[in-house]
Amino acid sequence: MSTLALVLSLALQAAPPAKPLPKPAAAKAEQKKAPTEDVAAAAQAWQAERLQRLTSPDGWLTLVGLTWLKEGEQKAGSAPDSEVPLPAPVPAQAGTFTRQGDTVRFQPAAGVAFTLEGKPFTGGALKTDEKGAPDVLRLGSVSFQVIRRADRLGVRVKDAEAAARKQFHGIPLYPASAAWKVEARLVPDEKPRMLSVPTVLGTVEEMKSAGTLVFTVAGKEYRLMPVAEEGSDELFIIFGDETNRDATYGAGRFLEAPLPDKDGRVVLDFNRAYNPPCAFTRFATCPLPPRGNRLALRVEAGEKRAGDH
């Protein structure tokens, strides 16, 4: 039961006084603070879930490698001269990747027991992340999968025992504020269009536009273009602002928002603005704010800069 529901329940059970009593000044002041406290509590709960995902055994803090595959065979393992480096305790010679066009196969070395969905993997083609749910091979604390970015195919490697995960001490935050929970209206596109979204790889991805969010901060109007991700019940926003220069991650931050109501209204809670994976590891392939999504103001809300990337 929420705090508000509990208070209402207790109030209904209590006999009311014969006359309404005047509220002391302290109570009135406390009453005015309630909305801010609600925002703070909501932000704290969201941040706890965010950190749980980030620090999970398969979270972004475990990302330790990314190798782009060439045509033909490439040896994988923990040996220093491996073409696809894998961390120990993976053996020095762990297996061989073979790329043929858009297909990637992996053949484990003799005696190396990789698993796929908990079952022994003896070799074969691997599904990429292009359509979601890629094949993930595991050996001890180490796992890898094949990712596709434009015409590039790469091996993304994670290690649940990675130093970044073991040494993680949290993310600094701005104090939560009701002032940064703003109402926007979503203006639909006149016709379906795609957004050109740059990435840290120097490539450009075409993502489906969800329209334009129009909102006001301190009496001035601003606009952001969200992305409509397939199958998602949220809008995804990649944005930059003037805090990127000195307080937040330099390449921008991410924000998710619920889909608009029947009147096109959307709540943007910038207290939930968060760092992209690239803030924590150089092996991520993050999208960057598309043109028009860099705000000419300081969004002093959400996560501050964290990590060294």
C-alpha atoms as a PDB file:
ATOM      1  CA  MET A   1       0.000   0.000   0.000  1.00  0.00           C
ATOM      2  CA  SER A   2       1.316   3.424  -0.904  1.00  0.00           C
ATOM      3  CA  THR A   3       1.936   6.087   1.751  1.00  0.00           C
ATOM      4  CA  LEU A   4      -0.982   8.154   0.446  1.00  0.00           C
ATOM      5  CA  ALA A   5      -3.367   5.166   0.502  1.00  0.00           C
ATOM      6  CA  LEU A   6      -2.331   4.297   4.070  1.00  0.00           C
ATOM      7  CA  VAL A   7      -2.931   7.880   5.275  1.00  0.00           C
ATOM      8  CA  LEU A   8      -6.372   7.948   3.663  1.00  0.00           C
ATOM      9  CA  SER A   9      -7.274   4.593   5.196  1.00  0.00           C
ATOM     10  CA  LEU A  10      -6.330   5.703   8.691  1.00  0.00           C
ATOM     11  CA  ALA A  11      -8.165   9.001   8.230  1.00  0.00           C
ATOM     12  CA  LEU A  12     -11.396   7.241   7.291  1.00  0.00           C
ATOM     13  CA  GLN A  13     -11.209   5.015  10.359  1.00  0.00           C
ATOM     14  CA  ALA A  14     -10.716   7.903  12.769  1.00  0.00           C
ATOM     15  CA  ALA A  15     -13.714   9.818  14.193  1.00  0.00           C
ATOM     16  CA  PRO A  16     -13.627  13.440  12.974  1.00  0.00           C
ATOM     17  CA  PRO A  17     -13.549  16.270  15.550  1.00  0.00           C
ATOM     18  CA  ALA A  18     -16.733  18.235  16.164  1.00  0.00           C
ATOM     19  CA  LYS A  19     -15.185  21.331  14.610  1.00  0.00           C
ATOM     20  CA  PRO A  20     -12.443  21.596  12.021  1.00  0.00           C
ATOM     21  CA  LEU A  21      -9.296  22.668  13.805  1.00  0.00           C
ATOM     22  CA  PRO A  22      -6.976  25.243  12.243  1.00  0.00           C
ATOM     23  CA  LYS A  23      -3.788  23.710  10.899  1.00  0.00           C
ATOM     24  CA  PRO A  24      -0.580  24.933  12.511  1.00  0.00           C
ATOM     25  CA  ALA A  25       1.926  26.691  10.294  1.00  0.00           C
ATOM     26  CA  ALA A  26       4.292  23.730  10.459  1.00  0.00           C
ATOM     27  CA  ALA A  27       1.590  21.396   9.142  1.00  0.00           C
ATOM     28  CA  LYS A  28       0.815  23.794   6.290  1.00  0.00           C
ATOM     29  CA  ALA A  29       4.489  23.948   5.371  1.00  0.00           C
ATOM     30  CA  GLU A  30       4.681  20.157   5.475  1.00  0.00           C
ATOM     31  CA  GLN A  31       1.612  19.926   3.259  1.00  0.00           C
ATOM     32  CA  LYS A  32       3.259  22.133   0.647  1.00  0.00           C
ATOM     33  CA  LYS A  33       6.312  19.871   0.611  1.00  0.00           C
ATOM     34  CA  ALA A  34       4.281  16.705  -0.039  1.00  0.00           C
ATOM     35  CA  PRO A  35       4.406  16.815  -3.859  1.00  0.00           C
ATOM     36  CA  THR A  36       8.203  17.230  -3.781  1.00  0.00           C
ATOM     37  CA  GLU A  37       8.522  14.339  -1.341  1.00  0.00           C
ATOM     38  CA  ASP A  38       6.359  12.172  -3.626  1.00  0.00           C
ATOM     39  CA  VAL A  39       8.625  12.985  -6.578  1.00  0.00           C
ATOM     40  CA  ALA A  40      11.689  12.219  -4.472  1.00  0.00           C
ATOM     41  CA  ALA A  41      10.283   8.871  -3.321  1.00  0.00           C
ATOM     42  CA  ALA A  42       9.344   7.914  -6.872  1.00  0.00           C
ATOM     43  CA  ALA A  43      12.788   8.908  -8.143  1.00  0.00           C
ATOM     44  CA  GLN A  44      14.461   6.894  -5.404  1.00  0.00           C
ATOM     45  CA  ALA A  45      12.423   3.778  -6.228  1.00  0.00           C
ATOM     46  CA  TRP A  46      13.175   4.189  -9.943  1.00  0.00           C
ATOM     47  CA  GLN A  47      16.888   4.621  -9.259  1.00  0.00           C
ATOM     48  CA  ALA A  48      16.968   1.470  -7.118  1.00  0.00           C
ATOM     49  CA  GLU A  49      15.526  -0.553 -10.020  1.00  0.00           C
ATOM     50  CA  ARG A  50      17.910   1.130 -12.448  1.00  0.00           C
ATOM     51  CA  LEU A  51      20.951   0.207 -10.336  1.00  0.00           C
ATOM     52  CA  GLN A  52      19.695  -3.334  -9.901  1.00  0.00           C
ATOM     53  CA  ARG A  53      19.618  -3.782 -13.671  1.00  0.00           C
ATOM     54  CA  LEU A  54      22.955  -2.044 -14.188  1.00  0.00           C
ATOM     55  CA  THR A  55      24.757  -4.177 -11.596  1.00  0.00           C
ATOM     56  CA  SER A  56      23.102  -7.491 -12.493  1.00  0.00           C
ATOM     57  CA  PRO A  57      25.324 -10.419 -13.596  1.00  0.00           C
ATOM     58  CA  ASP A  58      24.387  -9.574 -17.200  1.00  0.00           C
ATOM     59  CA  GLY A  59      24.238  -5.759 -16.858  1.00  0.00           C
ATOM     60  CA  TRP A  60      26.246  -3.146 -18.728  1.00  0.00           C
ATOM     61  CA  LEU A  61      28.962  -3.081 -16.056  1.00  0.00           C
ATOM     62  CA  THR A  62      29.953  -6.598 -17.141  1.00  0.00           C
ATOM     63  CA  LEU A  63      30.757  -5.567 -20.738  1.00  0.00           C
ATOM     64  CA  VAL A  64      34.482  -6.197 -21.259  1.00  0.00           C
ATOM     65  CA  GLY A  65      35.030  -6.625 -24.991  1.00  0.00           C
ATOM     66  CA  LEU A  66      33.851  -5.976 -28.531  1.00  0.00           C
ATOM     67  CA  THR A  67      35.570  -7.324 -31.640  1.00  0.00           C
ATOM     68  CA  TRP A  68      34.370  -6.626 -35.178  1.00  0.00           C
ATOM     69  CA  LEU A  69      34.632  -9.751 -37.306  1.00  0.00           C
ATOM     70  CA  LYS A  70      36.298  -9.932 -40.687  1.00  0.00           C
ATOM     71  CA  GLU A  71      35.439 -12.448 -43.374  1.00  0.00           C
ATOM     72  CA  GLY A  72      36.818 -15.880 -42.679  1.00  0.00           C
ATOM     73  CA  GLU A  73      38.171 -17.545 -39.543  1.00  0.00           C
ATOM     74  CA  GLN A  74      39.286 -15.773 -36.347  1.00  0.00           C
ATOM     75  CA  LYS A  75      40.649 -17.541 -33.283  1.00  0.00           C
ATOM     76  CA  ALA A  76      39.093 -16.762 -29.898  1.00  0.00           C
ATOM     77  CA  GLY A  77      40.473 -17.216 -26.393  1.00  0.00           C
ATOM     78  CA  SER A  78      42.378 -15.638 -23.529  1.00  0.00           C
ATOM     79  CA  ALA A  79      45.762 -15.924 -25.250  1.00  0.00           C
ATOM     80  CA  PRO A  80      47.333 -12.468 -25.841  1.00  0.00           C
ATOM     81  CA  ASP A  81      47.430 -13.006 -29.610  1.00  0.00           C
ATOM     82  CA  SER A  82      43.749 -14.034 -29.916  1.00  0.00           C
ATOM     83  CA  GLU A  83      41.926 -12.311 -32.761  1.00  0.00           C
ATOM     84  CA  VAL A  84      38.786 -12.328 -30.599  1.00  0.00           C
ATOM     85  CA  PRO A  85      40.028 -11.755 -27.029  1.00  0.00           C
ATOM     86  CA  LEU A  86      38.083 -13.450 -24.240  1.00  0.00           C
ATOM     87  CA  PRO A  87      38.879 -12.974 -20.545  1.00  0.00           C
ATOM     88  CA  ALA A  88      40.152 -15.696 -18.226  1.00  0.00           C
ATOM     89  CA  PRO A  89      38.979 -18.178 -17.023  1.00  0.00           C
ATOM     90  CA  VAL A  90      38.240 -18.906 -20.688  1.00  0.00           C
ATOM     91  CA  PRO A  91      41.089 -21.112 -22.014  1.00  0.00           C
ATOM     92  CA  ALA A  92      43.874 -19.615 -24.121  1.00  0.00           C
ATOM     93  CA  GLN A  93      42.469 -21.413 -27.182  1.00  0.00           C
ATOM     94  CA  ALA A  94      38.688 -21.404 -26.793  1.00  0.00           C
ATOM     95  CA  GLY A  95      37.417 -21.802 -30.327  1.00  0.00           C
ATOM     96  CA  THR A  96      37.038 -20.265 -33.774  1.00  0.00           C
ATOM     97  CA  PHE A  97      34.619 -17.731 -35.220  1.00  0.00           C
ATOM     98  CA  THR A  98      33.916 -17.926 -38.946  1.00  0.00           C
ATOM     99  CA  ARG A  99      32.141 -15.110 -40.760  1.00  0.00           C
ATOM    100  CA  GLN A 100      30.646 -15.767 -44.168  1.00  0.00           C
ATOM    101  CA  GLY A 101      28.697 -12.719 -45.306  1.00  0.00           C
ATOM    102  CA  ASP A 102      25.868 -12.200 -42.834  1.00  0.00           C
ATOM    103  CA  THR A 103      26.398 -15.543 -41.097  1.00  0.00           C
ATOM    104  CA  VAL A 104      28.641 -16.141 -38.084  1.00  0.00           C
ATOM    105  CA  ARG A 105      29.524 -19.604 -36.853  1.00  0.00           C
ATOM    106  CA  PHE A 106      31.421 -20.577 -33.725  1.00  0.00           C
ATOM    107  CA  GLN A 107      33.265 -23.844 -33.183  1.00  0.00           C
ATOM    108  CA  PRO A 108      34.467 -24.495 -29.609  1.00  0.00           C
ATOM    109  CA  ALA A 109      37.939 -25.949 -29.223  1.00  0.00           C
ATOM    110  CA  ALA A 110      38.190 -29.571 -28.139  1.00  0.00           C
ATOM    111  CA  GLY A 111      37.365 -29.967 -24.453  1.00  0.00           C
ATOM    112  CA  VAL A 112      35.950 -26.414 -24.033  1.00  0.00           C
ATOM    113  CA  ALA A 113      32.390 -26.712 -22.717  1.00  0.00           C
ATOM    114  CA  PHE A 114      30.363 -23.660 -23.808  1.00  0.00           C
ATOM    115  CA  THR A 115      26.624 -23.724 -23.189  1.00  0.00           C
ATOM    116  CA  LEU A 116      23.638 -22.187 -24.991  1.00  0.00           C
ATOM    117  CA  GLU A 117      20.474 -21.771 -22.902  1.00  0.00           C
ATOM    118  CA  GLY A 118      21.925 -24.155 -20.350  1.00  0.00           C
ATOM    119  CA  LYS A 119      22.677 -26.928 -22.862  1.00  0.00           C
ATOM    120  CA  PRO A 120      26.074 -27.954 -24.285  1.00  0.00           C
ATOM    121  CA  PHE A 121      26.973 -26.067 -27.465  1.00  0.00           C
ATOM    122  CA  THR A 122      29.008 -28.158 -29.875  1.00  0.00           C
ATOM    123  CA  GLY A 123      29.202 -25.611 -32.697  1.00  0.00           C
ATOM    124  CA  GLY A 124      27.090 -23.910 -35.331  1.00  0.00           C
ATOM    125  CA  ALA A 125      25.632 -20.634 -36.564  1.00  0.00           C
ATOM    126  CA  LEU A 126      24.710 -17.958 -33.996  1.00  0.00           C
ATOM    127  CA  LYS A 127      21.651 -15.707 -34.114  1.00  0.00           C
ATOM    128  CA  THR A 128      22.590 -12.030 -33.914  1.00  0.00           C
ATOM    129  CA  ASP A 129      20.751  -9.311 -31.971  1.00  0.00           C
ATOM    130  CA  GLU A 130      19.299  -7.861 -35.198  1.00  0.00           C
ATOM    131  CA  LYS A 131      15.810  -9.169 -34.386  1.00  0.00           C
ATOM    132  CA  GLY A 132      16.257  -9.414 -30.625  1.00  0.00           C
ATOM    133  CA  ALA A 133      16.967 -12.542 -28.534  1.00  0.00           C
ATOM    134  CA  PRO A 134      20.496 -13.311 -29.821  1.00  0.00           C
ATOM    135  CA  ASP A 135      22.217 -16.581 -29.000  1.00  0.00           C
ATOM    136  CA  VAL A 136      24.349 -16.138 -25.864  1.00  0.00           C
ATOM    137  CA  LEU A 137      27.159 -18.630 -25.274  1.00  0.00           C
ATOM    138  CA  ARG A 138      28.460 -19.025 -21.716  1.00  0.00           C
ATOM    139  CA  LEU A 139      31.501 -20.465 -19.980  1.00  0.00           C
ATOM    140  CA  GLY A 140      31.778 -19.820 -16.255  1.00  0.00           C
ATOM    141  CA  SER A 141      31.352 -16.101 -15.575  1.00  0.00           C
ATOM    142  CA  VAL A 142      32.011 -15.200 -19.239  1.00  0.00           C
ATOM    143  CA  SER A 143      29.407 -14.892 -21.990  1.00  0.00           C
ATOM    144  CA  PHE A 144      29.348 -13.569 -25.545  1.00  0.00           C
ATOM    145  CA  GLN A 145      26.904 -12.886 -28.351  1.00  0.00           C
ATOM    146  CA  VAL A 146      27.048 -11.617 -31.923  1.00  0.00           C
ATOM    147  CA  ILE A 147      25.718  -8.106 -32.587  1.00  0.00           C
ATOM    148  CA  ARG A 148      24.925  -6.432 -35.881  1.00  0.00           C
ATOM    149  CA  ARG A 149      25.440  -2.709 -36.498  1.00  0.00           C
ATOM    150  CA  ALA A 150      24.703  -1.698 -40.091  1.00  0.00           C
ATOM    151  CA  ASP A 151      26.900  -4.040 -42.157  1.00  0.00           C
ATOM    152  CA  ARG A 152      29.234  -4.851 -39.256  1.00  0.00           C
ATOM    153  CA  LEU A 153      29.076  -8.025 -37.178  1.00  0.00           C
ATOM    154  CA  GLY A 154      30.829  -8.089 -33.829  1.00  0.00           C
ATOM    155  CA  VAL A 155      31.361 -10.278 -30.788  1.00  0.00           C
ATOM    156  CA  ARG A 156      30.188  -8.603 -27.575  1.00  0.00           C
ATOM    157  CA  VAL A 157      31.805 -10.106 -24.480  1.00  0.00           C
ATOM    158  CA  LYS A 158      30.618  -9.893 -20.867  1.00  0.00           C
ATOM    159  CA  ASP A 159      32.121 -11.098 -17.612  1.00  0.00           C
ATOM    160  CA  ALA A 160      30.062 -11.218 -14.414  1.00  0.00           C
ATOM    161  CA  GLU A 161      33.340 -10.893 -12.479  1.00  0.00           C
ATOM    162  CA  ALA A 162      34.379  -7.700 -14.294  1.00  0.00           C
ATOM    163  CA  ALA A 163      36.218  -5.114 -12.193  1.00  0.00           C
ATOM    164  CA  ALA A 164      33.745  -2.386 -13.200  1.00  0.00           C
ATOM    165  CA  ARG A 165      30.926  -4.379 -11.615  1.00  0.00           C
ATOM    166  CA  LYS A 166      32.875  -5.408  -8.537  1.00  0.00           C
ATOM    167  CA  GLN A 167      34.151  -1.877  -7.859  1.00  0.00           C
ATOM    168  CA  PHE A 168      30.934  -0.004  -8.654  1.00  0.00           C
ATOM    169  CA  HIS A 169      29.943   2.553  -6.009  1.00  0.00           C
ATOM    170  CA  GLY A 170      26.800   4.110  -7.466  1.00  0.00           C
ATOM    171  CA  ILE A 171      25.954   7.124  -9.614  1.00  0.00           C
ATOM    172  CA  PRO A 172      25.825  10.730  -8.355  1.00  0.00           C
ATOM    173  CA  LEU A 173      22.419  12.372  -8.780  1.00  0.00           C
ATOM    174  CA  TYR A 174      20.837  15.776  -8.758  1.00  0.00           C
ATOM    175  CA  PRO A 175      18.307  16.168  -5.918  1.00  0.00           C
ATOM    176  CA  ALA A 176      14.871  15.123  -7.180  1.00  0.00           C
ATOM    177  CA  SER A 177      12.644  18.091  -7.936  1.00  0.00           C
ATOM    178  CA  ALA A 178       8.998  18.470  -8.932  1.00  0.00           C
ATOM    179  CA  ALA A 179      10.113  21.344 -11.173  1.00  0.00           C
ATOM    180  CA  TRP A 180      11.724  18.800 -13.525  1.00  0.00           C
ATOM    181  CA  LYS A 181       8.585  16.697 -13.898  1.00  0.00           C
ATOM    182  CA  VAL A 182       7.001  18.564 -16.778  1.00  0.00           C
ATOM    183  CA  GLU A 183       3.977  18.023 -18.986  1.00  0.00           C
ATOM    184  CA  ALA A 184       4.549  17.912 -22.726  1.00  0.00           C
ATOM    185  CA  ARG A 185       2.280  17.448 -25.695  1.00  0.00           C
ATOM    186  CA  LEU A 186       3.161  15.053 -28.479  1.00  0.00           C
ATOM    187  CA  VAL A 187       2.699  16.564 -31.925  1.00  0.00           C
ATOM    188  CA  PRO A 188       2.370  13.681 -34.422  1.00  0.00           C
ATOM    189  CA  ASP A 189       4.297  13.739 -37.675  1.00  0.00           C
ATOM    190  CA  GLU A 190       2.191  14.638 -40.712  1.00  0.00           C
ATOM    191  CA  LYS A 191       3.404  11.428 -42.319  1.00  0.00           C
ATOM    192  CA  PRO A 192       5.602   8.542 -41.094  1.00  0.00           C
ATOM    193  CA  ARG A 193       9.276   9.454 -41.037  1.00  0.00           C
ATOM    194  CA  MET A 194      12.608   8.187 -39.782  1.00  0.00           C
ATOM    195  CA  LEU A 195      15.121   9.951 -37.548  1.00  0.00           C
ATOM    196  CA  SER A 196      18.807   9.854 -38.435  1.00  0.00           C
ATOM    197  CA  VAL A 197      20.497   8.949 -35.148  1.00  0.00           C
ATOM    198  CA  PRO A 198      24.311   9.084 -34.976  1.00  0.00           C
ATOM    199  CA  THR A 199      26.244   6.560 -32.887  1.00  0.00           C
ATOM    200  CA  VAL A 200      29.587   6.489 -31.109  1.00  0.00           C
ATOM    201  CA  LEU A 201      30.810   4.209 -33.908  1.00  0.00           C
ATOM    202  CA  GLY A 202      30.547   7.080 -36.369  1.00  0.00           C
ATOM    203  CA  THR A 203      27.610   5.418 -38.113  1.00  0.00           C
ATOM    204  CA  VAL A 204      24.028   6.655 -38.472  1.00  0.00           C
ATOM    205  CA  GLU A 205      20.992   4.558 -37.604  1.00  0.00           C
ATOM    206  CA  GLU A 206      17.534   5.225 -38.988  1.00  0.00           C
ATOM    207  CA  MET A 207      14.941   5.029 -36.204  1.00  0.00           C
ATOM    208  CA  LYS A 208      11.186   5.484 -36.421  1.00  0.00           C
ATOM    209  CA  SER A 209      10.056   8.926 -35.286  1.00  0.00           C
ATOM    210  CA  ALA A 210       7.272   9.177 -32.701  1.00  0.00           C
ATOM    211  CA  GLY A 211       6.574  12.853 -33.429  1.00  0.00           C
ATOM    212  CA  THR A 212       7.723  15.943 -31.514  1.00  0.00           C
ATOM    213  CA  LEU A 213       7.384  16.593 -27.788  1.00  0.00           C
ATOM    214  CA  VAL A 214       6.703  20.248 -27.000  1.00  0.00           C
ATOM    215  CA  PHE A 215       7.097  21.479 -23.400  1.00  0.00           C
ATOM    216  CA  THR A 216       7.895  24.594 -21.391  1.00  0.00           C
ATOM    217  CA  VAL A 217      10.611  25.228 -18.796  1.00  0.00           C
ATOM    218  CA  ALA A 218      10.831  28.579 -17.014  1.00  0.00           C
ATOM    219  CA  GLY A 219       8.428  30.114 -19.510  1.00  0.00           C
ATOM    220  CA  LYS A 220      10.379  29.051 -22.599  1.00  0.00           C
ATOM    221  CA  GLU A 221       9.278  26.424 -25.100  1.00  0.00           C
ATOM    222  CA  TYR A 222      11.502  23.458 -25.986  1.00  0.00           C
ATOM    223  CA  ARG A 223      11.181  20.470 -28.299  1.00  0.00           C
ATOM    224  CA  LEU A 224      12.492  16.905 -28.303  1.00  0.00           C
ATOM    225  CA  MET A 225      12.031  14.132 -30.854  1.00  0.00           C
ATOM    226  CA  PRO A 226      11.403  10.722 -29.297  1.00  0.00           C
ATOM    227  CA  VAL A 227      11.948   7.357 -30.952  1.00  0.00           C
ATOM    228  CA  ALA A 228       9.139   4.796 -31.293  1.00  0.00           C
ATOM    229  CA  GLU A 229      10.768   1.451 -30.530  1.00  0.00           C
ATOM    230  CA  GLU A 230       9.087  -1.658 -31.909  1.00  0.00           C
ATOM    231  CA  GLY A 231       6.804  -3.295 -29.339  1.00  0.00           C
ATOM    232  CA  SER A 232       7.564  -0.761 -26.595  1.00  0.00           C
ATOM    233  CA  ASP A 233       4.906   0.915 -24.448  1.00  0.00           C
ATOM    234  CA  GLU A 234       7.213   3.897 -23.867  1.00  0.00           C
ATOM    235  CA  LEU A 235       8.818   6.707 -25.821  1.00  0.00           C
ATOM    236  CA  PHE A 236      12.619   6.660 -25.937  1.00  0.00           C
ATOM    237  CA  ILE A 237      14.413  10.009 -25.916  1.00  0.00           C
ATOM    238  CA  ILE A 238      18.116  10.616 -26.573  1.00  0.00           C
ATOM    239  CA  PHE A 239      18.946  14.172 -25.575  1.00  0.00           C
ATOM    240  CA  GLY A 240      21.753  16.538 -24.704  1.00  0.00           C
ATOM    241  CA  ASP A 241      21.770  19.745 -22.661  1.00  0.00           C
ATOM    242  CA  GLU A 242      24.201  22.318 -21.321  1.00  0.00           C
ATOM    243  CA  THR A 243      25.089  20.273 -18.225  1.00  0.00           C
ATOM    244  CA  ASN A 244      26.916  17.868 -20.572  1.00  0.00           C
ATOM    245  CA  ARG A 245      29.819  20.328 -20.536  1.00  0.00           C
ATOM    246  CA  ASP A 246      30.625  20.052 -16.852  1.00  0.00           C
ATOM    247  CA  ALA A 247      28.276  17.867 -14.795  1.00  0.00           C
ATOM    248  CA  THR A 248      26.611  15.121 -16.831  1.00  0.00           C
ATOM    249  CA  TYR A 249      27.868  12.641 -19.414  1.00  0.00           C
ATOM    250  CA  GLY A 250      29.295  14.590 -22.333  1.00  0.00           C
ATOM    251  CA  ALA A 251      27.565  12.623 -25.080  1.00  0.00           C
ATOM    252  CA  GLY A 252      24.083  13.113 -23.634  1.00  0.00           C
ATOM    253  CA  ARG A 253      21.600  11.073 -21.644  1.00  0.00           C
ATOM    254  CA  PHE A 254      18.568   8.843 -22.154  1.00  0.00           C
ATOM    255  CA  LEU A 255      14.998   9.302 -20.948  1.00  0.00           C
ATOM    256  CA  GLU A 256      11.919   7.127 -21.218  1.00  0.00           C
ATOM    257  CA  ALA A 257       8.355   8.437 -21.003  1.00  0.00           C
ATOM    258  CA  PRO A 258       4.910   6.842 -21.135  1.00  0.00           C
ATOM    259  CA  LEU A 259       2.944   6.925 -24.354  1.00  0.00           C
ATOM    260  CA  PRO A 260       0.642   9.953 -24.674  1.00  0.00           C
ATOM    261  CA  ASP A 261      -2.880   9.926 -23.257  1.00  0.00           C
ATOM    262  CA  LYS A 262      -5.932  10.455 -25.487  1.00  0.00           C
ATOM    263  CA  ASP A 263      -5.250  14.205 -25.516  1.00  0.00           C
ATOM    264  CA  GLY A 264      -1.621  13.797 -26.550  1.00  0.00           C
ATOM    265  CA  ARG A 265      -0.199  14.664 -23.134  1.00  0.00           C
ATOM    266  CA  VAL A 266       3.067  13.104 -21.973  1.00  0.00           C
ATOM    267  CA  VAL A 267       4.813  13.505 -18.618  1.00  0.00           C
ATOM    268  CA  LEU A 268       8.580  14.013 -18.941  1.00  0.00           C
ATOM    269  CA  ASP A 269      10.232  13.220 -15.617  1.00  0.00           C
ATOM    270  CA  PHE A 270      13.805  14.434 -16.071  1.00  0.00           C
ATOM    271  CA  ASN A 271      14.583  13.126 -12.577  1.00  0.00           C
ATOM    272  CA  ARG A 272      14.846   9.811 -14.416  1.00  0.00           C
ATOM    273  CA  ALA A 273      17.343  10.987 -17.052  1.00  0.00           C
ATOM    274  CA  TYR A 274      20.106   8.395 -17.081  1.00  0.00           C
ATOM    275  CA  ASN A 275      23.567   7.734 -18.465  1.00  0.00           C
ATOM    276  CA  PRO A 276      23.905   5.580 -21.588  1.00  0.00           C
ATOM    277  CA  PRO A 277      26.002   2.396 -21.391  1.00  0.00           C
ATOM    278  CA  CYS A 278      28.920   4.239 -23.027  1.00  0.00           C
ATOM    279  CA  ALA A 279      29.328   6.205 -19.798  1.00  0.00           C
ATOM    280  CA  PHE A 280      30.531   2.995 -18.150  1.00  0.00           C
ATOM    281  CA  THR A 281      32.333   1.054 -20.867  1.00  0.00           C
ATOM    282  CA  ARG A 282      34.144   1.816 -24.112  1.00  0.00           C
ATOM    283  CA  PHE A 283      32.743  -1.376 -25.634  1.00  0.00           C
ATOM    284  CA  ALA A 284      29.131  -0.162 -25.963  1.00  0.00           C
ATOM    285  CA  THR A 285      27.665   1.118 -29.245  1.00  0.00           C
ATOM    286  CA  CYS A 286      25.444   3.931 -27.978  1.00  0.00           C
ATOM    287  CA  PRO A 287      23.208   6.188 -30.056  1.00  0.00           C
ATOM    288  CA  LEU A 288      23.805   9.934 -29.711  1.00  0.00           C
ATOM    289  CA  PRO A 289      21.252  12.768 -29.646  1.00  0.00           C
ATOM    290  CA  PRO A 290      19.819  13.334 -33.130  1.00  0.00           C
ATOM    291  CA  ARG A 291      19.942  16.811 -34.610  1.00  0.00           C
ATOM    292  CA  GLY A 292      17.511  19.035 -32.737  1.00  0.00           C
ATOM    293  CA  ASN A 293      17.672  17.062 -29.493  1.00  0.00           C
ATOM    294  CA  ARG A 294      20.309  19.201 -27.760  1.00  0.00           C
ATOM    295  CA  LEU A 295      18.499  21.556 -25.400  1.00  0.00           C
ATOM    296  CA  ALA A 296      19.757  25.096 -24.865  1.00  0.00           C
ATOM    297  CA  LEU A 297      19.299  24.909 -21.102  1.00  0.00           C
ATOM    298  CA  ARG A 298      20.737  23.144 -18.085  1.00  0.00           C
ATOM    299  CA  VAL A 299      18.694  20.084 -17.170  1.00  0.00           C
ATOM    300  CA  GLU A 300      19.885  19.791 -13.578  1.00  0.00           C
ATOM    301  CA  ALA A 301      17.998  16.583 -12.879  1.00  0.00           C
ATOM    302  CA  GLY A 302      18.659  12.857 -13.032  1.00  0.00           C
ATOM    303  CA  GLU A 303      22.047  11.163 -13.180  1.00  0.00           C
ATOM    304  CA  LYS A 304      25.324  13.060 -13.194  1.00  0.00           C
ATOM    305  CA  ARG A 305      28.536  11.962 -14.838  1.00  0.00           C
ATOM    306  CA  ALA A 306      29.797   8.537 -13.805  1.00  0.00           C
ATOM    307  CA  GLY A 307      32.702   6.410 -14.940  1.00  0.00           C
ATOM    308  CA  ASP A 308      35.670   7.339 -17.114  1.00  0.00           C
ATOM    309  CA  HIS A 309      34.272   6.942 -20.636  1.00  0.00           C
END
